[in-house]
């Protein structure tokens, strides 16, 4: 599994770095690994793993896409963003890369109502069945309460804090309290890290 790269430093950077070499031109995207992107509120990439680069690039010139933030942002818009936005998510649910069909799963991992520009969206690109571990196993591993498990489930469905609060009939502040406890129990420091840990790493 590739490590998720840290956010790009500053807006002047035009390169999206990955910690794995991308595949050569003509090679197919990986069959079992999931692509993972972290985007800002304008759907510009902040960080990305090598698998996402391969999936979005196929069958084009991978090197060009992996070294250009602008090209990657354009590819995200053309492949992952729906022309007809419905509900909370602007993303498509499925897309094709070559002959392969992929599922697109967005997660609104950071939400700041007072400054929407700070919102962060994690996006998982996967083939076939979901890579998510059963919530019961996750809850058992990290000793989550029933309500924490419920909040986590809604987070993994891509709901924002407000969306989770509406579903659970609680305040957004209570949702934030649940998320803080989940972070502590899973040993991470952000919502995007929760998603990464649970989506890309099966419980041991």
N, C-alpha and C. Protein backbone atom coordinates (compact mmCIF):
# COMPACT_ATOMS: atom_id res chain seq x y z
N UNK A 1 0.84 -1.20 0.00
CA UNK A 1 0.00 0.00 0.00
C UNK A 1 0.87 1.25 0.00
N UNK A 2 0.56 2.16 -0.88
CA UNK A 2 1.33 3.40 -0.93
C UNK A 2 0.91 4.31 0.20
N UNK A 3 1.86 5.01 0.79
CA UNK A 3 1.53 6.00 1.79
C UNK A 3 0.89 7.20 1.12
N UNK A 4 -0.06 7.82 1.81
CA UNK A 4 -0.66 9.03 1.26
C UNK A 4 0.35 10.15 1.41
N UNK A 5 0.60 10.86 0.33
CA UNK A 5 1.59 11.93 0.38
C UNK A 5 1.06 13.10 1.18
N UNK A 6 1.92 13.89 1.79
CA UNK A 6 1.47 15.06 2.54
C UNK A 6 0.91 16.11 1.60
N UNK A 7 0.07 17.04 2.11
CA UNK A 7 -0.48 18.09 1.25
C UNK A 7 0.62 18.87 0.55
N UNK A 8 0.30 19.32 -0.65
CA UNK A 8 1.27 20.10 -1.41
C UNK A 8 1.55 21.41 -0.70
N UNK A 9 2.75 21.82 -0.68
CA UNK A 9 3.14 23.05 0.03
C UNK A 9 2.93 24.26 -0.87
N UNK A 10 1.92 25.06 -0.53
CA UNK A 10 1.71 26.31 -1.25
C UNK A 10 1.05 26.13 -2.59
N UNK A 11 0.49 27.21 -3.12
CA UNK A 11 -0.21 27.16 -4.40
C UNK A 11 0.73 27.25 -5.58
N UNK A 12 1.99 27.59 -5.33
CA UNK A 12 2.91 27.75 -6.46
C UNK A 12 3.37 26.41 -7.01
N UNK A 13 3.24 25.36 -6.22
CA UNK A 13 3.69 24.05 -6.67
C UNK A 13 2.79 23.55 -7.77
N UNK A 14 3.37 23.03 -8.85
CA UNK A 14 2.58 22.50 -9.95
C UNK A 14 2.72 21.00 -10.05
N UNK A 15 3.42 20.37 -9.11
CA UNK A 15 3.65 18.94 -9.17
C UNK A 15 2.90 18.23 -8.07
N UNK A 16 2.37 17.06 -8.40
CA UNK A 16 1.76 16.20 -7.42
C UNK A 16 2.72 15.05 -7.20
N UNK A 17 3.30 14.96 -6.01
CA UNK A 17 4.30 13.95 -5.76
C UNK A 17 3.67 12.67 -5.23
N UNK A 18 4.25 11.55 -5.61
CA UNK A 18 3.85 10.27 -5.07
C UNK A 18 5.10 9.57 -4.59
N UNK A 19 4.93 8.59 -3.68
CA UNK A 19 6.10 7.91 -3.15
C UNK A 19 6.33 6.56 -3.82
N UNK A 20 5.62 6.28 -4.94
CA UNK A 20 5.85 5.08 -5.71
C UNK A 20 6.00 5.48 -7.17
N UNK A 21 6.85 4.78 -7.93
CA UNK A 21 6.95 5.09 -9.35
C UNK A 21 5.67 4.72 -10.06
N UNK A 22 5.25 5.57 -11.01
CA UNK A 22 4.04 5.26 -11.75
C UNK A 22 4.35 4.21 -12.79
N UNK A 23 3.29 3.55 -13.28
CA UNK A 23 3.49 2.49 -14.26
C UNK A 23 3.91 3.06 -15.61
N UNK A 24 4.52 2.23 -16.42
CA UNK A 24 4.92 2.65 -17.75
C UNK A 24 3.70 2.77 -18.63
N UNK A 25 3.84 3.56 -19.69
CA UNK A 25 2.74 3.78 -20.61
C UNK A 25 2.28 2.44 -21.18
N UNK A 26 0.95 2.25 -21.19
CA UNK A 26 0.40 1.02 -21.73
C UNK A 26 0.09 -0.02 -20.68
N UNK A 27 0.67 0.12 -19.47
CA UNK A 27 0.37 -0.83 -18.41
C UNK A 27 -1.02 -0.52 -17.85
N UNK A 28 -1.68 -1.56 -17.36
CA UNK A 28 -3.02 -1.37 -16.81
C UNK A 28 -2.96 -0.89 -15.38
N UNK A 29 -4.02 -0.23 -14.90
CA UNK A 29 -4.07 0.19 -13.51
C UNK A 29 -4.05 -1.04 -12.60
N UNK A 30 -3.66 -0.88 -11.33
CA UNK A 30 -3.60 -2.02 -10.42
C UNK A 30 -4.98 -2.63 -10.20
N UNK A 31 -5.03 -3.96 -10.02
CA UNK A 31 -6.30 -4.65 -9.89
C UNK A 31 -6.84 -4.63 -8.46
N UNK A 32 -5.98 -4.56 -7.48
CA UNK A 32 -6.43 -4.74 -6.11
C UNK A 32 -6.26 -3.51 -5.23
N UNK A 33 -5.42 -2.56 -5.60
CA UNK A 33 -5.18 -1.40 -4.77
C UNK A 33 -6.15 -0.27 -5.10
N UNK A 34 -6.49 0.49 -4.08
CA UNK A 34 -7.44 1.58 -4.26
C UNK A 34 -6.72 2.90 -4.48
N UNK A 35 -7.27 3.74 -5.36
CA UNK A 35 -6.75 5.08 -5.53
C UNK A 35 -7.31 5.98 -4.44
N UNK A 36 -6.50 6.93 -3.98
CA UNK A 36 -6.95 7.80 -2.89
C UNK A 36 -6.47 9.22 -3.18
N UNK A 37 -7.40 10.19 -3.10
CA UNK A 37 -7.07 11.59 -3.31
C UNK A 37 -7.63 12.42 -2.16
N UNK A 38 -6.93 13.50 -1.83
CA UNK A 38 -7.43 14.48 -0.88
C UNK A 38 -7.55 15.80 -1.63
N UNK A 39 -8.77 16.36 -1.68
CA UNK A 39 -9.05 17.56 -2.46
C UNK A 39 -9.49 18.70 -1.57
N UNK A 40 -9.30 19.93 -2.05
CA UNK A 40 -9.82 21.08 -1.32
C UNK A 40 -11.25 21.36 -1.78
N UNK A 41 -11.84 22.43 -1.28
CA UNK A 41 -13.24 22.72 -1.58
C UNK A 41 -13.49 23.03 -3.05
N UNK A 42 -12.44 23.40 -3.77
CA UNK A 42 -12.56 23.67 -5.21
C UNK A 42 -12.22 22.44 -6.04
N UNK A 43 -12.06 21.29 -5.36
CA UNK A 43 -11.75 20.00 -5.98
C UNK A 43 -10.37 19.98 -6.62
N UNK A 44 -9.45 20.80 -6.07
CA UNK A 44 -8.05 20.75 -6.50
C UNK A 44 -7.32 19.75 -5.62
N UNK A 45 -6.40 18.97 -6.19
CA UNK A 45 -5.70 17.94 -5.42
C UNK A 45 -4.71 18.51 -4.42
N UNK A 46 -4.79 18.01 -3.18
CA UNK A 46 -3.84 18.37 -2.13
C UNK A 46 -2.84 17.24 -1.93
N UNK A 47 -3.33 16.01 -2.03
CA UNK A 47 -2.44 14.86 -1.96
C UNK A 47 -3.08 13.70 -2.71
N UNK A 48 -2.24 12.77 -3.15
CA UNK A 48 -2.72 11.69 -4.02
C UNK A 48 -1.76 10.51 -3.91
N UNK A 49 -2.28 9.28 -4.03
CA UNK A 49 -1.36 8.15 -4.04
C UNK A 49 -1.12 7.68 -5.48
N UNK A 50 -0.13 6.81 -5.65
CA UNK A 50 0.28 6.38 -6.99
C UNK A 50 -0.83 5.64 -7.72
N UNK A 51 -1.65 4.89 -6.97
CA UNK A 51 -2.74 4.14 -7.60
C UNK A 51 -3.76 5.07 -8.26
N UNK A 52 -4.06 6.19 -7.60
CA UNK A 52 -5.00 7.15 -8.19
C UNK A 52 -4.43 7.74 -9.47
N UNK A 53 -3.14 8.03 -9.47
CA UNK A 53 -2.48 8.55 -10.68
C UNK A 53 -2.61 7.54 -11.81
N UNK A 54 -2.36 6.27 -11.52
CA UNK A 54 -2.43 5.24 -12.56
C UNK A 54 -3.85 5.09 -13.10
N UNK A 55 -4.83 5.08 -12.21
CA UNK A 55 -6.21 4.92 -12.63
C UNK A 55 -6.66 6.10 -13.50
N UNK A 56 -6.38 7.32 -13.04
CA UNK A 56 -6.84 8.50 -13.77
C UNK A 56 -6.06 8.74 -15.06
N UNK A 57 -4.82 8.25 -15.12
CA UNK A 57 -3.98 8.48 -16.29
C UNK A 57 -4.23 7.49 -17.41
N UNK A 58 -4.60 6.28 -17.06
CA UNK A 58 -4.68 5.19 -18.02
C UNK A 58 -5.58 5.55 -19.20
N UNK A 59 -5.15 5.32 -20.45
CA UNK A 59 -3.84 4.77 -20.86
C UNK A 59 -2.88 5.86 -21.34
N UNK A 60 -3.01 7.06 -20.81
CA UNK A 60 -2.22 8.20 -21.28
C UNK A 60 -0.82 8.24 -20.72
N UNK A 61 -0.23 9.41 -20.76
CA UNK A 61 1.15 9.59 -20.29
C UNK A 61 1.15 9.86 -18.79
N UNK A 62 1.45 8.81 -18.03
CA UNK A 62 1.37 8.90 -16.59
C UNK A 62 2.31 9.94 -16.01
N UNK A 63 3.51 10.04 -16.56
CA UNK A 63 4.50 10.97 -16.02
C UNK A 63 3.99 12.40 -16.09
N UNK A 64 3.33 12.75 -17.20
CA UNK A 64 2.83 14.10 -17.34
C UNK A 64 1.78 14.43 -16.27
N UNK A 65 0.87 13.48 -16.03
CA UNK A 65 -0.19 13.72 -15.06
C UNK A 65 0.35 13.78 -13.64
N UNK A 66 1.31 12.89 -13.32
CA UNK A 66 1.83 12.84 -11.95
C UNK A 66 2.68 14.04 -11.60
N UNK A 67 3.16 14.78 -12.60
CA UNK A 67 4.01 15.93 -12.32
C UNK A 67 3.31 17.26 -12.59
N UNK A 68 2.02 17.23 -12.86
CA UNK A 68 1.31 18.48 -13.13
C UNK A 68 0.03 18.55 -12.31
N UNK A 69 0.00 19.47 -11.38
CA UNK A 69 -1.19 19.67 -10.56
C UNK A 69 -2.37 20.12 -11.43
N UNK A 70 -2.10 20.98 -12.43
CA UNK A 70 -3.16 21.49 -13.29
C UNK A 70 -3.78 20.37 -14.13
N UNK A 71 -2.93 19.50 -14.69
CA UNK A 71 -3.45 18.38 -15.49
C UNK A 71 -4.26 17.42 -14.64
N UNK A 72 -3.78 17.15 -13.43
CA UNK A 72 -4.51 16.26 -12.55
C UNK A 72 -5.86 16.85 -12.16
N UNK A 73 -5.89 18.15 -11.85
CA UNK A 73 -7.15 18.82 -11.51
C UNK A 73 -8.13 18.74 -12.68
N UNK A 74 -7.64 18.92 -13.90
CA UNK A 74 -8.50 18.84 -15.08
C UNK A 74 -9.04 17.43 -15.27
N UNK A 75 -8.19 16.42 -15.00
CA UNK A 75 -8.61 15.03 -15.14
C UNK A 75 -9.66 14.68 -14.09
N UNK A 76 -9.50 15.20 -12.89
CA UNK A 76 -10.49 14.98 -11.83
C UNK A 76 -11.84 15.56 -12.26
N UNK A 77 -11.82 16.78 -12.81
CA UNK A 77 -13.05 17.43 -13.25
C UNK A 77 -13.72 16.63 -14.37
N UNK A 78 -12.94 16.13 -15.32
CA UNK A 78 -13.52 15.45 -16.47
C UNK A 78 -13.97 14.02 -16.16
N UNK A 79 -13.29 13.36 -15.22
CA UNK A 79 -13.60 11.95 -14.95
C UNK A 79 -14.48 11.72 -13.74
N UNK A 80 -14.33 12.56 -12.70
CA UNK A 80 -14.97 12.27 -11.43
C UNK A 80 -16.12 13.20 -11.06
N UNK A 81 -16.21 14.35 -11.69
CA UNK A 81 -17.25 15.32 -11.34
C UNK A 81 -18.44 15.16 -12.27
N UNK A 82 -19.62 15.09 -11.67
CA UNK A 82 -20.85 14.88 -12.43
C UNK A 82 -21.30 16.17 -13.11
N UNK A 83 -21.82 16.04 -14.32
CA UNK A 83 -22.34 17.20 -15.04
C UNK A 83 -23.65 17.67 -14.40
N UNK A 84 -24.34 16.76 -13.74
CA UNK A 84 -25.60 17.09 -13.07
C UNK A 84 -25.44 16.80 -11.59
N UNK A 85 -25.11 17.82 -10.81
CA UNK A 85 -24.90 17.65 -9.37
C UNK A 85 -26.22 17.42 -8.67
N UNK A 86 -26.25 16.35 -7.86
CA UNK A 86 -27.46 16.03 -7.10
C UNK A 86 -27.07 15.80 -5.65
N UNK A 87 -27.86 16.39 -4.72
CA UNK A 87 -27.59 16.20 -3.31
C UNK A 87 -26.32 16.90 -2.87
N UNK A 88 -25.65 16.33 -1.88
CA UNK A 88 -24.46 16.94 -1.31
C UNK A 88 -23.23 16.77 -2.18
N UNK A 89 -23.16 15.66 -2.91
CA UNK A 89 -21.92 15.32 -3.61
C UNK A 89 -21.92 15.75 -5.07
N UNK A 90 -20.82 16.38 -5.52
CA UNK A 90 -20.71 16.75 -6.94
C UNK A 90 -20.11 15.63 -7.78
N UNK A 91 -19.80 14.49 -7.15
CA UNK A 91 -19.06 13.43 -7.83
C UNK A 91 -19.97 12.39 -8.48
N UNK A 92 -19.44 11.74 -9.52
CA UNK A 92 -20.11 10.60 -10.11
C UNK A 92 -19.97 9.43 -9.15
N UNK A 93 -20.79 8.41 -9.29
CA UNK A 93 -20.66 7.22 -8.46
C UNK A 93 -19.82 6.15 -9.16
N UNK A 94 -19.78 6.20 -10.48
CA UNK A 94 -18.99 5.25 -11.26
C UNK A 94 -18.34 5.97 -12.44
N UNK A 95 -17.21 5.44 -12.90
CA UNK A 95 -16.57 5.96 -14.11
C UNK A 95 -15.73 4.85 -14.72
N UNK A 96 -15.29 5.07 -15.94
CA UNK A 96 -14.47 4.07 -16.62
C UNK A 96 -13.05 4.58 -16.86
N UNK A 97 -12.10 3.67 -16.73
CA UNK A 97 -10.71 3.94 -17.08
C UNK A 97 -10.31 2.81 -18.00
N UNK A 98 -10.18 3.12 -19.29
CA UNK A 98 -9.99 2.06 -20.27
C UNK A 98 -11.27 1.22 -20.31
N UNK A 99 -11.13 -0.10 -20.22
CA UNK A 99 -12.29 -0.99 -20.22
C UNK A 99 -12.79 -1.30 -18.82
N UNK A 100 -12.12 -0.76 -17.83
CA UNK A 100 -12.45 -1.10 -16.46
C UNK A 100 -13.40 -0.08 -15.83
N UNK A 101 -14.30 -0.59 -15.01
CA UNK A 101 -15.25 0.28 -14.30
C UNK A 101 -14.77 0.47 -12.87
N UNK A 102 -14.80 1.71 -12.41
CA UNK A 102 -14.38 2.03 -11.05
C UNK A 102 -15.52 2.72 -10.32
N UNK A 103 -15.53 2.54 -9.01
CA UNK A 103 -16.47 3.24 -8.15
C UNK A 103 -15.76 4.44 -7.54
N UNK A 104 -16.47 5.55 -7.46
CA UNK A 104 -15.93 6.78 -6.88
C UNK A 104 -16.67 7.05 -5.58
N UNK A 105 -15.91 7.05 -4.46
CA UNK A 105 -16.51 7.23 -3.14
C UNK A 105 -15.93 8.47 -2.48
N UNK A 106 -16.69 9.58 -2.43
CA UNK A 106 -16.19 10.80 -1.76
C UNK A 106 -16.51 10.79 -0.27
N UNK A 107 -15.62 11.36 0.52
CA UNK A 107 -15.81 11.49 1.96
C UNK A 107 -15.52 12.93 2.36
N UNK A 108 -16.51 13.63 2.89
CA UNK A 108 -16.30 15.01 3.31
C UNK A 108 -15.68 14.97 4.70
N UNK A 109 -14.36 14.93 4.74
CA UNK A 109 -13.66 14.62 5.98
C UNK A 109 -13.37 15.83 6.87
N UNK A 110 -13.39 17.02 6.30
CA UNK A 110 -13.17 18.23 7.08
C UNK A 110 -14.16 19.28 6.60
N UNK A 111 -14.95 19.82 7.50
CA UNK A 111 -15.95 20.81 7.13
C UNK A 111 -15.87 22.01 8.06
N UNK A 112 -15.77 23.20 7.47
CA UNK A 112 -15.66 24.43 8.25
C UNK A 112 -16.72 25.42 7.77
N UNK A 113 -17.91 25.42 8.41
CA UNK A 113 -19.01 26.29 7.96
C UNK A 113 -18.62 27.76 7.90
N UNK A 114 -17.75 28.23 8.81
CA UNK A 114 -17.36 29.65 8.83
C UNK A 114 -16.39 29.99 7.71
N UNK A 115 -15.71 28.98 7.20
CA UNK A 115 -14.78 29.20 6.08
C UNK A 115 -14.81 27.97 5.17
N UNK A 116 -15.81 27.91 4.27
CA UNK A 116 -15.97 26.74 3.40
C UNK A 116 -14.74 26.41 2.56
N UNK A 117 -13.87 27.40 2.33
CA UNK A 117 -12.68 27.15 1.51
C UNK A 117 -11.72 26.17 2.17
N UNK A 118 -11.88 25.95 3.48
CA UNK A 118 -11.00 25.03 4.20
C UNK A 118 -11.51 23.58 4.17
N UNK A 119 -12.68 23.37 3.57
CA UNK A 119 -13.24 22.03 3.50
C UNK A 119 -12.31 21.08 2.75
N UNK A 120 -12.19 19.85 3.25
CA UNK A 120 -11.35 18.83 2.62
C UNK A 120 -12.21 17.62 2.26
N UNK A 121 -11.99 17.08 1.07
CA UNK A 121 -12.75 15.94 0.59
C UNK A 121 -11.78 14.83 0.20
N UNK A 122 -11.96 13.66 0.81
CA UNK A 122 -11.17 12.49 0.43
C UNK A 122 -11.98 11.70 -0.60
N UNK A 123 -11.31 11.17 -1.61
CA UNK A 123 -12.00 10.42 -2.66
C UNK A 123 -11.30 9.08 -2.84
N UNK A 124 -12.08 8.00 -2.77
CA UNK A 124 -11.57 6.65 -2.96
C UNK A 124 -12.00 6.14 -4.33
N UNK A 125 -11.07 5.61 -5.09
CA UNK A 125 -11.35 5.03 -6.40
C UNK A 125 -11.08 3.53 -6.30
N UNK A 126 -12.09 2.72 -6.52
CA UNK A 126 -11.91 1.28 -6.34
C UNK A 126 -12.67 0.47 -7.37
N UNK A 127 -12.19 -0.74 -7.62
CA UNK A 127 -12.85 -1.68 -8.50
C UNK A 127 -13.61 -2.70 -7.67
N UNK A 128 -14.73 -3.19 -8.20
CA UNK A 128 -15.44 -4.29 -7.57
C UNK A 128 -16.01 -3.94 -6.22
N UNK A 129 -15.96 -4.93 -5.33
CA UNK A 129 -16.56 -4.77 -4.01
C UNK A 129 -15.83 -3.72 -3.20
N UNK A 130 -16.52 -3.15 -2.24
CA UNK A 130 -15.95 -2.12 -1.38
C UNK A 130 -14.75 -2.63 -0.62
N UNK A 131 -13.74 -1.75 -0.45
CA UNK A 131 -12.55 -2.13 0.30
C UNK A 131 -12.73 -1.90 1.80
N UNK A 132 -13.90 -1.43 2.19
CA UNK A 132 -14.12 -1.13 3.60
C UNK A 132 -14.23 -2.40 4.43
N UNK A 133 -13.58 -2.40 5.56
CA UNK A 133 -13.75 -3.49 6.51
C UNK A 133 -15.12 -3.35 7.17
N UNK A 134 -15.75 -4.45 7.59
CA UNK A 134 -17.04 -4.36 8.28
C UNK A 134 -16.93 -3.46 9.51
N UNK A 135 -17.93 -2.60 9.70
CA UNK A 135 -17.89 -1.66 10.83
C UNK A 135 -17.83 -2.39 12.17
N UNK A 136 -18.44 -3.57 12.23
CA UNK A 136 -18.41 -4.32 13.49
C UNK A 136 -16.98 -4.69 13.87
N UNK A 137 -16.17 -5.06 12.87
CA UNK A 137 -14.77 -5.42 13.14
C UNK A 137 -13.97 -4.18 13.53
N UNK A 138 -14.23 -3.07 12.83
CA UNK A 138 -13.55 -1.83 13.14
C UNK A 138 -13.88 -1.39 14.56
N UNK A 139 -15.16 -1.44 14.90
CA UNK A 139 -15.59 -1.02 16.23
C UNK A 139 -14.98 -1.89 17.32
N UNK A 140 -14.92 -3.20 17.04
CA UNK A 140 -14.33 -4.12 18.02
C UNK A 140 -12.84 -3.84 18.20
N UNK A 141 -12.14 -3.62 17.08
CA UNK A 141 -10.71 -3.38 17.15
C UNK A 141 -10.37 -2.13 17.93
N UNK A 142 -11.15 -1.06 17.72
CA UNK A 142 -10.82 0.23 18.32
C UNK A 142 -11.72 0.58 19.51
N UNK A 143 -12.53 -0.38 19.96
CA UNK A 143 -13.39 -0.18 21.13
C UNK A 143 -14.33 1.02 20.98
N UNK A 144 -14.96 1.13 19.83
CA UNK A 144 -15.89 2.23 19.58
C UNK A 144 -17.24 1.93 20.24
N UNK A 145 -17.89 2.97 20.74
CA UNK A 145 -19.24 2.81 21.27
C UNK A 145 -20.21 2.67 20.10
N UNK A 146 -21.46 2.32 20.41
CA UNK A 146 -22.46 2.16 19.36
C UNK A 146 -22.69 3.47 18.61
N UNK A 147 -22.73 4.59 19.32
CA UNK A 147 -22.97 5.88 18.68
C UNK A 147 -21.74 6.33 17.86
N UNK A 148 -20.55 6.02 18.37
CA UNK A 148 -19.34 6.33 17.60
C UNK A 148 -19.32 5.50 16.32
N UNK A 149 -19.72 4.24 16.41
CA UNK A 149 -19.79 3.40 15.22
C UNK A 149 -20.80 3.95 14.22
N UNK A 150 -21.93 4.42 14.72
CA UNK A 150 -22.96 4.99 13.85
C UNK A 150 -22.44 6.24 13.14
N UNK A 151 -21.75 7.12 13.89
CA UNK A 151 -21.19 8.33 13.30
C UNK A 151 -20.13 7.98 12.26
N UNK A 152 -19.30 6.98 12.57
CA UNK A 152 -18.27 6.55 11.64
C UNK A 152 -18.89 6.01 10.35
N UNK A 153 -19.97 5.25 10.51
CA UNK A 153 -20.64 4.71 9.34
C UNK A 153 -21.13 5.80 8.40
N UNK A 154 -21.69 6.86 8.97
CA UNK A 154 -22.15 7.98 8.13
C UNK A 154 -20.98 8.73 7.50
N UNK A 155 -19.87 8.85 8.24
CA UNK A 155 -18.67 9.48 7.67
C UNK A 155 -18.20 8.70 6.45
N UNK A 156 -18.21 7.37 6.56
CA UNK A 156 -17.75 6.53 5.46
C UNK A 156 -18.74 6.48 4.30
N UNK A 157 -19.94 7.01 4.53
CA UNK A 157 -20.89 7.16 3.43
C UNK A 157 -20.70 8.48 2.70
N UNK A 158 -19.78 9.30 3.24
CA UNK A 158 -19.49 10.57 2.59
C UNK A 158 -20.27 11.76 3.12
N UNK A 159 -20.96 11.60 4.26
CA UNK A 159 -21.76 12.71 4.79
C UNK A 159 -20.88 13.72 5.51
N UNK A 160 -21.29 14.98 5.45
CA UNK A 160 -20.63 16.06 6.18
C UNK A 160 -21.06 16.00 7.64
N UNK A 161 -20.45 16.83 8.48
CA UNK A 161 -20.84 16.88 9.89
C UNK A 161 -22.32 17.21 10.03
N UNK A 162 -22.79 18.17 9.23
CA UNK A 162 -24.21 18.54 9.29
C UNK A 162 -25.09 17.38 8.86
N UNK A 163 -24.66 16.67 7.81
CA UNK A 163 -25.42 15.52 7.34
C UNK A 163 -25.49 14.42 8.39
N UNK A 164 -24.36 14.17 9.06
CA UNK A 164 -24.32 13.16 10.12
C UNK A 164 -25.22 13.59 11.27
N UNK A 165 -25.14 14.87 11.64
CA UNK A 165 -25.96 15.39 12.73
C UNK A 165 -27.46 15.22 12.43
N UNK A 166 -27.84 15.50 11.19
CA UNK A 166 -29.24 15.36 10.81
C UNK A 166 -29.70 13.91 10.90
N UNK A 167 -28.85 12.98 10.44
CA UNK A 167 -29.22 11.56 10.48
C UNK A 167 -29.31 11.04 11.90
N UNK A 168 -28.41 11.51 12.78
CA UNK A 168 -28.36 11.00 14.14
C UNK A 168 -29.21 11.81 15.12
N UNK A 169 -29.81 12.91 14.61
CA UNK A 169 -30.66 13.79 15.43
C UNK A 169 -29.88 14.36 16.62
N UNK A 170 -28.68 14.83 16.32
CA UNK A 170 -27.82 15.45 17.33
C UNK A 170 -27.25 16.73 16.73
N UNK A 171 -26.52 17.49 17.53
CA UNK A 171 -25.93 18.74 17.04
C UNK A 171 -24.61 18.45 16.33
N UNK A 172 -24.20 19.35 15.41
CA UNK A 172 -22.89 19.20 14.77
C UNK A 172 -21.75 19.16 15.79
N UNK A 173 -21.89 19.87 16.90
CA UNK A 173 -20.84 19.85 17.92
C UNK A 173 -20.70 18.46 18.54
N UNK A 174 -21.83 17.76 18.70
CA UNK A 174 -21.77 16.40 19.23
C UNK A 174 -21.10 15.47 18.21
N UNK A 175 -21.37 15.69 16.93
CA UNK A 175 -20.69 14.92 15.88
C UNK A 175 -19.18 15.13 15.99
N UNK A 176 -18.77 16.38 16.16
CA UNK A 176 -17.35 16.68 16.28
C UNK A 176 -16.74 15.98 17.49
N UNK A 177 -17.51 15.89 18.59
CA UNK A 177 -17.03 15.21 19.78
C UNK A 177 -16.84 13.72 19.50
N UNK A 178 -17.78 13.12 18.77
CA UNK A 178 -17.65 11.71 18.40
C UNK A 178 -16.41 11.51 17.52
N UNK A 179 -16.22 12.42 16.56
CA UNK A 179 -15.07 12.28 15.66
C UNK A 179 -13.75 12.41 16.42
N UNK A 180 -13.71 13.31 17.40
CA UNK A 180 -12.49 13.45 18.20
C UNK A 180 -12.19 12.15 18.96
N UNK A 181 -13.24 11.53 19.50
CA UNK A 181 -13.03 10.27 20.22
C UNK A 181 -12.58 9.16 19.28
N UNK A 182 -13.15 9.13 18.08
CA UNK A 182 -12.74 8.12 17.09
C UNK A 182 -11.28 8.32 16.70
N UNK A 183 -10.87 9.60 16.52
CA UNK A 183 -9.47 9.89 16.21
C UNK A 183 -8.55 9.40 17.31
N UNK A 184 -8.93 9.66 18.56
CA UNK A 184 -8.10 9.24 19.69
C UNK A 184 -7.98 7.72 19.72
N UNK A 185 -9.10 7.04 19.54
CA UNK A 185 -9.11 5.58 19.63
C UNK A 185 -8.39 4.91 18.46
N UNK A 186 -8.43 5.54 17.29
CA UNK A 186 -7.75 4.96 16.12
C UNK A 186 -6.32 5.46 15.96
N UNK A 187 -5.93 6.42 16.80
CA UNK A 187 -4.55 6.90 16.78
C UNK A 187 -4.22 7.80 15.61
N UNK A 188 -5.21 8.57 15.14
CA UNK A 188 -4.97 9.49 14.03
C UNK A 188 -5.36 10.90 14.47
N UNK A 189 -5.10 11.88 13.61
CA UNK A 189 -5.32 13.27 14.00
C UNK A 189 -6.26 14.04 13.07
N UNK A 190 -6.90 13.35 12.12
CA UNK A 190 -7.83 14.05 11.22
C UNK A 190 -8.85 13.07 10.68
N UNK A 191 -9.94 13.62 10.16
CA UNK A 191 -10.97 12.76 9.58
C UNK A 191 -10.46 12.03 8.35
N UNK A 192 -9.66 12.72 7.55
CA UNK A 192 -9.11 12.06 6.36
C UNK A 192 -8.24 10.87 6.75
N UNK A 193 -7.53 10.99 7.88
CA UNK A 193 -6.70 9.88 8.35
C UNK A 193 -7.56 8.72 8.85
N UNK A 194 -8.74 9.02 9.42
CA UNK A 194 -9.67 7.95 9.80
C UNK A 194 -10.05 7.15 8.57
N UNK A 195 -10.46 7.87 7.51
CA UNK A 195 -10.89 7.21 6.28
C UNK A 195 -9.76 6.38 5.71
N UNK A 196 -8.56 6.96 5.65
CA UNK A 196 -7.40 6.25 5.11
C UNK A 196 -7.15 4.96 5.88
N UNK A 197 -7.17 5.05 7.20
CA UNK A 197 -6.84 3.90 8.04
C UNK A 197 -7.86 2.78 7.87
N UNK A 198 -9.12 3.13 7.79
CA UNK A 198 -10.16 2.12 7.72
C UNK A 198 -10.37 1.60 6.30
N UNK A 199 -10.26 2.48 5.31
CA UNK A 199 -10.48 2.09 3.93
C UNK A 199 -9.30 1.32 3.35
N UNK A 200 -8.10 1.79 3.61
CA UNK A 200 -6.91 1.21 2.97
C UNK A 200 -6.16 0.23 3.85
N UNK A 201 -6.56 0.06 5.09
CA UNK A 201 -5.88 -0.89 5.97
C UNK A 201 -6.92 -1.70 6.73
N UNK A 202 -6.96 -2.99 6.47
CA UNK A 202 -7.91 -3.86 7.16
C UNK A 202 -7.50 -4.01 8.61
N UNK A 203 -8.47 -4.15 9.52
CA UNK A 203 -8.13 -4.34 10.93
C UNK A 203 -7.29 -5.58 11.13
N UNK A 204 -6.35 -5.48 12.07
CA UNK A 204 -5.48 -6.61 12.37
C UNK A 204 -6.06 -7.44 13.49
